[in-house]
Amino acid sequence: PRTLPLLPLREENGVLVVAGPFTSAPGVAKSA
């Protein structure tokens, strides 16, 4: 998976996985 700068985000299978305090659990956001 690619590591995105500034924010603890990982892109897996075209989906951004949030790994940080922004969510209570690893959340997902749709990749543009």
PDB file of N, CA and C in Angstrom:
ATOM      1  N   PRO A   1       0.825  -1.218   0.000  1.00  0.00           N
ATOM      2  CA  PRO A   1       0.000   0.000   0.000  1.00  0.00           C
ATOM      3  C   PRO A   1       0.852   1.258   0.000  1.00  0.00           C
ATOM      4  N   ARG A   2       0.329   2.312  -0.605  1.00  0.00           N
ATOM      5  CA  ARG A   2       1.085   3.558  -0.648  1.00  0.00           C
ATOM      6  C   ARG A   2       0.867   4.354   0.622  1.00  0.00           C
ATOM      7  N   THR A   3       1.942   4.972   1.098  1.00  0.00           N
ATOM      8  CA  THR A   3       1.829   5.808   2.286  1.00  0.00           C
ATOM      9  C   THR A   3       1.677   7.255   1.866  1.00  0.00           C
ATOM     10  N   LEU A   4       0.607   7.896   2.316  1.00  0.00           N
ATOM     11  CA  LEU A   4       0.367   9.282   1.955  1.00  0.00           C
ATOM     12  C   LEU A   4       0.970  10.194   3.015  1.00  0.00           C
ATOM     13  N   PRO A   5       1.549  11.316   2.592  1.00  0.00           N
ATOM     14  CA  PRO A   5       2.212  12.238   3.510  1.00  0.00           C
ATOM     15  C   PRO A   5       1.226  13.032   4.362  1.00  0.00           C
ATOM     16  N   LEU A   6       1.732  13.620   5.437  1.00  0.00           N
ATOM     17  CA  LEU A   6       1.002  14.539   6.314  1.00  0.00           C
ATOM     18  C   LEU A   6      -0.026  13.832   7.187  1.00  0.00           C
ATOM     19  N   LEU A   7      -0.847  12.987   6.581  1.00  0.00           N
ATOM     20  CA  LEU A   7      -1.872  12.297   7.367  1.00  0.00           C
ATOM     21  C   LEU A   7      -1.590  10.809   7.375  1.00  0.00           C
ATOM     22  N   PRO A   8      -1.950  10.148   8.487  1.00  0.00           N
ATOM     23  CA  PRO A   8      -1.749   8.698   8.589  1.00  0.00           C
ATOM     24  C   PRO A   8      -2.772   7.950   7.742  1.00  0.00           C
ATOM     25  N   LEU A   9      -2.628   8.064   6.432  1.00  0.00           N
ATOM     26  CA  LEU A   9      -3.566   7.395   5.530  1.00  0.00           C
ATOM     27  C   LEU A   9      -2.825   6.353   4.713  1.00  0.00           C
ATOM     28  N   ARG A  10      -3.513   5.270   4.464  1.00  0.00           N
ATOM     29  CA  ARG A  10      -2.942   4.245   3.593  1.00  0.00           C
ATOM     30  C   ARG A  10      -3.961   3.967   2.497  1.00  0.00           C
ATOM     31  N   GLU A  11      -3.474   3.826   1.269  1.00  0.00           N
ATOM     32  CA  GLU A  11      -4.383   3.510   0.177  1.00  0.00           C
ATOM     33  C   GLU A  11      -4.278   2.027  -0.133  1.00  0.00           C
ATOM     34  N   GLU A  12      -5.373   1.314   0.078  1.00  0.00           N
ATOM     35  CA  GLU A  12      -5.391  -0.114  -0.181  1.00  0.00           C
ATOM     36  C   GLU A  12      -6.560  -0.443  -1.093  1.00  0.00           C
ATOM     37  N   ASN A  13      -6.240  -1.034  -2.235  1.00  0.00           N
ATOM     38  CA  ASN A  13      -7.278  -1.421  -3.201  1.00  0.00           C
ATOM     39  C   ASN A  13      -8.117  -0.223  -3.621  1.00  0.00           C
ATOM     40  N   GLY A  14      -7.487   0.950  -3.740  1.00  0.00           N
ATOM     41  CA  GLY A  14      -8.202   2.137  -4.175  1.00  0.00           C
ATOM     42  C   GLY A  14      -9.048   2.760  -3.087  1.00  0.00           C
ATOM     43  N   VAL A  15      -8.843   2.288  -1.842  1.00  0.00           N
ATOM     44  CA  VAL A  15      -9.609   2.837  -0.728  1.00  0.00           C
ATOM     45  C   VAL A  15      -8.645   3.418   0.294  1.00  0.00           C
ATOM     46  N   LEU A  16      -8.955   4.614   0.768  1.00  0.00           N
ATOM     47  CA  LEU A  16      -8.092   5.235   1.768  1.00  0.00           C
ATOM     48  C   LEU A  16      -8.445   4.716   3.154  1.00  0.00           C
ATOM     49  N   VAL A  17      -7.463   4.139   3.800  1.00  0.00           N
ATOM     50  CA  VAL A  17      -7.674   3.625   5.149  1.00  0.00           C
ATOM     51  C   VAL A  17      -7.069   4.598   6.146  1.00  0.00           C
ATOM     52  N   VAL A  18      -7.873   5.056   7.074  1.00  0.00           N
ATOM     53  CA  VAL A  18      -7.404   6.026   8.059  1.00  0.00           C
ATOM     54  C   VAL A  18      -6.841   5.304   9.271  1.00  0.00           C
ATOM     55  N   ALA A  19      -5.579   5.567   9.572  1.00  0.00           N
ATOM     56  CA  ALA A  19      -4.962   4.969  10.748  1.00  0.00           C
ATOM     57  C   ALA A  19      -4.516   6.083  11.675  1.00  0.00           C
ATOM     58  N   GLY A  20      -5.407   6.553  12.505  1.00  0.00           N
ATOM     59  CA  GLY A  20      -5.056   7.661  13.383  1.00  0.00           C
ATOM     60  C   GLY A  20      -6.202   8.011  14.312  1.00  0.00           C
ATOM     61  N   PRO A  21      -6.065   9.131  15.023  1.00  0.00           N
ATOM     62  CA  PRO A  21      -7.026   9.552  16.045  1.00  0.00           C
ATOM     63  C   PRO A  21      -8.309  10.136  15.450  1.00  0.00           C
ATOM     64  N   PHE A  22      -8.394  10.168  14.113  1.00  0.00           N
ATOM     65  CA  PHE A  22      -9.558  10.781  13.478  1.00  0.00           C
ATOM     66  C   PHE A  22     -10.779   9.874  13.582  1.00  0.00           C
ATOM     67  N   THR A  23     -10.526   8.589  13.773  1.00  0.00           N
ATOM     68  CA  THR A  23     -11.637   7.645  13.895  1.00  0.00           C
ATOM     69  C   THR A  23     -11.381   6.734  15.080  1.00  0.00           C
ATOM     70  N   SER A  24     -12.438   6.210  15.657  1.00  0.00           N
ATOM     71  CA  SER A  24     -12.300   5.320  16.801  1.00  0.00           C
ATOM     72  C   SER A  24     -11.757   3.972  16.351  1.00  0.00           C
ATOM     73  N   ALA A  25     -11.932   3.690  15.066  1.00  0.00           N
ATOM     74  CA  ALA A  25     -11.420   2.455  14.475  1.00  0.00           C
ATOM     75  C   ALA A  25     -10.920   2.801  13.080  1.00  0.00           C
ATOM     76  N   PRO A  26     -10.096   1.937  12.485  1.00  0.00           N
ATOM     77  CA  PRO A  26      -9.618   2.208  11.131  1.00  0.00           C
ATOM     78  C   PRO A  26     -10.784   2.419  10.183  1.00  0.00           C
ATOM     79  N   GLY A  27     -10.994   3.671   9.775  1.00  0.00           N
ATOM     80  CA  GLY A  27     -12.125   3.991   8.911  1.00  0.00           C
ATOM     81  C   GLY A  27     -11.701   4.017   7.459  1.00  0.00           C
ATOM     82  N   VAL A  28     -12.669   4.135   6.588  1.00  0.00           N
ATOM     83  CA  VAL A  28     -12.360   4.195   5.165  1.00  0.00           C
ATOM     84  C   VAL A  28     -13.029   5.398   4.536  1.00  0.00           C
ATOM     85  N   ALA A  29     -12.358   5.959   3.538  1.00  0.00           N
ATOM     86  CA  ALA A  29     -12.932   7.062   2.785  1.00  0.00           C
ATOM     87  C   ALA A  29     -12.758   6.743   1.309  1.00  0.00           C
ATOM     88  N   LYS A  30     -13.759   7.061   0.526  1.00  0.00           N
ATOM     89  CA  LYS A  30     -13.683   6.737  -0.898  1.00  0.00           C
ATOM     90  C   LYS A  30     -12.604   7.567  -1.567  1.00  0.00           C
ATOM     91  N   SER A  31     -11.768   6.900  -2.314  1.00  0.00           N
ATOM     92  CA  SER A  31     -10.712   7.596  -3.030  1.00  0.00           C
ATOM     93  C   SER A  31     -11.289   8.226  -4.287  1.00  0.00           C
ATOM     94  N   ALA A  32     -10.894   9.451  -4.564  1.00  0.00           N
ATOM     95  CA  ALA A  32     -11.415  10.157  -5.734  1.00  0.00           C
ATOM     96  C   ALA A  32     -10.977   9.443  -7.013  1.00  0.00           C
TER      97      ALA A  32
END
